[in-house]
Protein backbone atom coordinates (compact mmCIF):
# COMPACT_ATOMS: atom_id res chain seq x y z
CA UNK A 1 -14.01 19.13 -7.21
CA UNK A 2 -15.73 15.90 -6.16
CA UNK A 3 -13.39 13.12 -5.13
CA UNK A 4 -14.30 10.11 -7.25
CA UNK A 5 -12.61 6.77 -8.01
CA UNK A 6 -12.00 7.98 -11.58
CA UNK A 7 -10.28 11.14 -10.33
CA UNK A 8 -8.12 9.06 -7.98
CA UNK A 9 -7.01 6.75 -10.77
CA UNK A 10 -6.18 9.69 -13.02
CA UNK A 11 -4.16 11.30 -10.21
CA UNK A 12 -2.18 8.15 -9.43
CA UNK A 13 -1.33 7.70 -13.11
CA UNK A 14 0.28 11.18 -12.99
CA UNK A 15 2.07 10.83 -9.67
CA UNK A 16 -0.41 12.56 -7.34
CA UNK A 17 -2.17 11.23 -4.24
CA UNK A 18 -4.62 12.78 -1.74
CA UNK A 19 -4.36 13.36 1.99
CA UNK A 20 -6.86 15.00 4.31
CA UNK A 21 -6.19 17.53 7.04
CA UNK A 22 -7.71 17.40 10.53
CA UNK A 23 -10.88 19.08 9.21
CA UNK A 24 -11.35 16.60 6.37
CA UNK A 25 -10.16 18.95 3.62
CA UNK A 26 -8.47 17.05 0.79
CA UNK A 27 -5.09 18.13 -0.58
CA UNK A 28 -3.03 16.66 -3.40
CA UNK A 29 0.64 15.74 -3.05
CA UNK A 30 3.51 14.80 -5.34
CA UNK A 31 6.58 14.91 -3.07
CA UNK A 32 10.11 15.47 -4.31
CA UNK A 33 11.99 13.34 -3.47
CA UNK A 34 9.64 10.35 -3.65
CA UNK A 35 10.07 7.13 -1.69
CA UNK A 36 9.84 3.70 -3.30
CA UNK A 37 10.66 0.14 -2.29
CA UNK A 38 12.60 -1.55 -5.09
CA UNK A 39 11.04 -4.86 -6.05
CA UNK A 40 14.41 -6.43 -6.88
CA UNK A 41 17.04 -7.94 -4.59
CA UNK A 42 17.37 -4.63 -2.71
CA UNK A 43 14.16 -5.46 -0.82
CA UNK A 44 15.54 -6.53 2.55
CA UNK A 45 13.99 -8.91 5.05
CA UNK A 46 15.86 -9.46 8.32
CA UNK A 47 16.66 -13.02 9.38
CA UNK A 48 14.38 -12.70 12.40
CA UNK A 49 11.45 -11.49 10.30
CA UNK A 50 12.09 -14.18 7.70
CA UNK A 51 11.77 -16.78 10.48
CA UNK A 52 8.49 -15.21 11.58
CA UNK A 53 7.17 -15.39 8.02
CA UNK A 54 8.25 -19.04 7.66
CA UNK A 55 6.73 -20.05 11.00
CA UNK A 56 3.30 -18.91 9.88
CA UNK A 57 2.57 -16.94 13.04
CA UNK A 58 -0.02 -14.98 11.06
CA UNK A 59 -2.63 -16.12 8.61
CA UNK A 60 -2.34 -13.86 5.59
CA UNK A 61 -5.53 -12.94 3.78
CA UNK A 62 -6.00 -10.62 0.81
CA UNK A 63 -8.98 -8.34 0.24
CA UNK A 64 -11.20 -9.89 2.92
CA UNK A 65 -11.38 -6.84 5.24
CA UNK A 66 -10.41 -3.84 3.16
CA UNK A 67 -12.52 -1.26 4.95
CA UNK A 68 -11.50 -2.60 8.37
CA UNK A 69 -7.84 -2.22 7.39
CA UNK A 70 -8.41 1.39 6.31
CA UNK A 71 -10.30 2.16 9.51
CA UNK A 72 -7.52 0.61 11.59
CA UNK A 73 -4.93 2.68 9.73
CA UNK A 74 -6.99 5.80 10.48
CA UNK A 75 -7.43 4.99 14.18
CA UNK A 76 -4.57 7.07 15.56
CA UNK A 77 -4.23 10.45 17.23
CA UNK A 78 -3.29 12.20 13.99
CA UNK A 79 -4.45 10.81 10.68
CA UNK A 80 -4.72 11.96 7.08
CA UNK A 81 -7.35 9.28 6.35
CA UNK A 82 -10.73 11.01 6.48
CA UNK A 83 -14.18 9.42 6.27
CA UNK A 84 -14.42 10.69 2.69
CA UNK A 85 -11.18 8.94 1.77
CA UNK A 86 -12.39 5.71 3.37
CA UNK A 87 -15.54 5.85 1.26
CA UNK A 88 -13.83 6.54 -2.06
CA UNK A 89 -11.03 4.00 -1.55
CA UNK A 90 -13.60 1.40 -0.54
CA UNK A 91 -15.33 2.08 -3.85
CA UNK A 92 -11.97 1.70 -5.61
CA UNK A 93 -11.67 -1.64 -3.82
CA UNK A 94 -15.07 -2.73 -5.11
CA UNK A 95 -13.86 -1.81 -8.61
CA UNK A 96 -10.75 -3.99 -8.18
CA UNK A 97 -8.15 -1.21 -7.96
CA UNK A 98 -7.55 -0.98 -4.20
CA UNK A 99 -6.35 -3.94 -2.14
CA UNK A 100 -5.56 -4.97 1.39
CA UNK A 101 -3.06 -7.52 2.66
CA UNK A 102 -4.10 -8.63 6.14
CA UNK A 103 -2.42 -10.41 9.04
CA UNK A 104 -4.82 -12.46 11.16
CA UNK A 105 -4.12 -14.26 14.44
CA UNK A 106 -6.63 -16.52 16.18
CA UNK A 107 -9.38 -15.14 13.94
CA UNK A 108 -8.59 -11.50 14.73
CA UNK A 109 -7.29 -8.86 12.34
CA UNK A 110 -4.02 -7.75 13.95
CA UNK A 111 -2.21 -5.93 11.16
CA UNK A 112 -2.12 -5.12 7.51
CA UNK A 113 -1.78 -2.57 4.77
CA UNK A 114 -3.70 -1.22 1.81
CA UNK A 115 -2.94 0.52 -1.44
CA UNK A 116 -3.88 1.13 -5.04
CA UNK A 117 -2.94 -1.15 -7.94
CA UNK A 118 -2.93 0.52 -11.34
CA UNK A 119 -1.26 -1.30 -14.23
CA UNK A 120 2.36 -1.86 -13.06
CA UNK A 121 2.11 0.52 -10.07
CA UNK A 122 1.21 -0.37 -6.52
CA UNK A 123 0.85 2.74 -4.38
CA UNK A 124 1.15 1.72 -0.77
CA UNK A 125 -1.02 4.00 1.33
CA UNK A 126 -0.83 2.99 4.98
CA UNK A 127 -0.29 0.10 7.37
CA UNK A 128 -1.14 -0.74 10.96
CA UNK A 129 -0.09 -3.29 13.53
CA UNK A 130 -1.72 -4.46 16.75
CA UNK A 131 0.77 -7.26 17.26
CA UNK A 132 4.52 -7.32 16.76
CA UNK A 133 5.56 -7.88 13.13
CA UNK A 134 1.97 -8.10 11.86
CA UNK A 135 2.32 -5.25 9.36
CA UNK A 136 5.87 -6.29 8.44
CA UNK A 137 4.75 -9.80 7.50
CA UNK A 138 1.94 -8.28 5.42
CA UNK A 139 4.52 -6.16 3.58
CA UNK A 140 6.67 -9.20 2.82
CA UNK A 141 3.64 -10.96 1.36
CA UNK A 142 2.72 -7.84 -0.62
CA UNK A 143 6.15 -7.72 -2.26
CA UNK A 144 5.95 -11.43 -3.12
CA UNK A 145 2.54 -10.86 -4.71
CA UNK A 146 3.70 -7.81 -6.67
CA UNK A 147 6.71 -9.67 -8.02
CA UNK A 148 4.56 -12.63 -9.05
CA UNK A 149 2.02 -10.34 -10.69
CA UNK A 150 4.52 -8.44 -12.81
CA UNK A 151 4.42 -5.10 -10.99
CA UNK A 152 7.39 -2.79 -11.57
CA UNK A 153 6.86 0.04 -9.06
CA UNK A 154 6.05 0.00 -5.33
CA UNK A 155 5.47 3.59 -4.29
CA UNK A 156 5.58 4.37 -0.56
CA UNK A 157 5.33 8.15 -1.12
CA UNK A 158 7.39 9.14 1.93
CA UNK A 159 10.25 7.35 3.64
CA UNK A 160 10.23 6.29 7.28
CA UNK A 161 12.87 4.47 9.35
CA UNK A 162 10.51 1.46 9.33
CA UNK A 163 10.39 1.35 5.51
CA UNK A 164 14.10 2.13 5.16
CA UNK A 165 14.88 -1.14 6.96
CA UNK A 166 13.21 -2.95 4.06
CA UNK A 167 15.31 -1.12 1.50
CA UNK A 168 13.05 1.87 0.75
CA UNK A 169 14.92 4.69 -0.96
CA UNK A 170 14.21 8.26 -1.94
CA UNK A 171 14.54 9.21 -5.59
CA UNK A 172 14.10 12.55 -7.38
CA UNK A 173 10.60 13.28 -8.64
CA UNK A 174 11.93 13.32 -12.22
CA UNK A 175 13.22 9.75 -11.82
CA UNK A 176 9.99 8.66 -10.17
CA UNK A 177 7.97 9.96 -13.11
CA UNK A 178 10.11 7.88 -15.49
CA UNK A 179 9.45 4.76 -13.39
CA UNK A 180 5.76 5.67 -13.28
CA UNK A 181 5.60 6.11 -17.04
CA UNK A 182 7.12 2.65 -17.50
CA UNK A 183 4.69 1.18 -14.95
CA UNK A 184 1.70 2.64 -16.82
CA UNK A 185 2.77 0.57 -19.83
CA UNK A 186 2.67 -2.70 -17.86
CA UNK A 187 -0.42 -4.87 -17.41
CA UNK A 188 0.30 -6.41 -14.02
CA UNK A 189 -2.14 -8.59 -12.11
CA UNK A 190 -2.95 -8.33 -8.42
CA UNK A 191 -4.78 -11.60 -7.96
CA UNK A 192 -6.98 -11.95 -4.88
CA UNK A 193 -7.53 -15.65 -4.18
CA UNK A 194 -9.05 -14.98 -0.77
CA UNK A 195 -11.62 -12.51 -2.00
CA UNK A 196 -15.18 -13.75 -1.49
């Protein structure tokens, strides 16, 4: 089955997402339990990180270097982000469904994240950091943007110690699907003021 933007959107609306193996073969996942970051007061930002955000160490841009963010996320010893995935998500980006939040320092892209926005769902896919706190600051800005845009669900798929520090939790798949169903009934807006 050909991987297309339309297939991706259909999959996300039902709780599935793709990952590639080391040979580029695409597999579909819907983990149980599922990890999310609550968009309410449970989202936690440490005092030190809050100071970093306030000091403006990084210039935050949105949707100005989507493909570069994906390629940076893929540039590690083991990655599930294949060339095929980069191509199809870049097409999703052109269609307005995939977005990047980027941390820049002295004109250089030093961190960021990307994901898929579909109605009230934002599915966070991956992040990278070349400078301390660069991806963390991008995540803080993402959550602010999602709250402002009316999003109800921030899906991180799997939990990591890094995400747990922000308040990420695991929930049963059955509960996730209820949240997802609610999110599909929301018309949220991921505005991109920095997009050329």
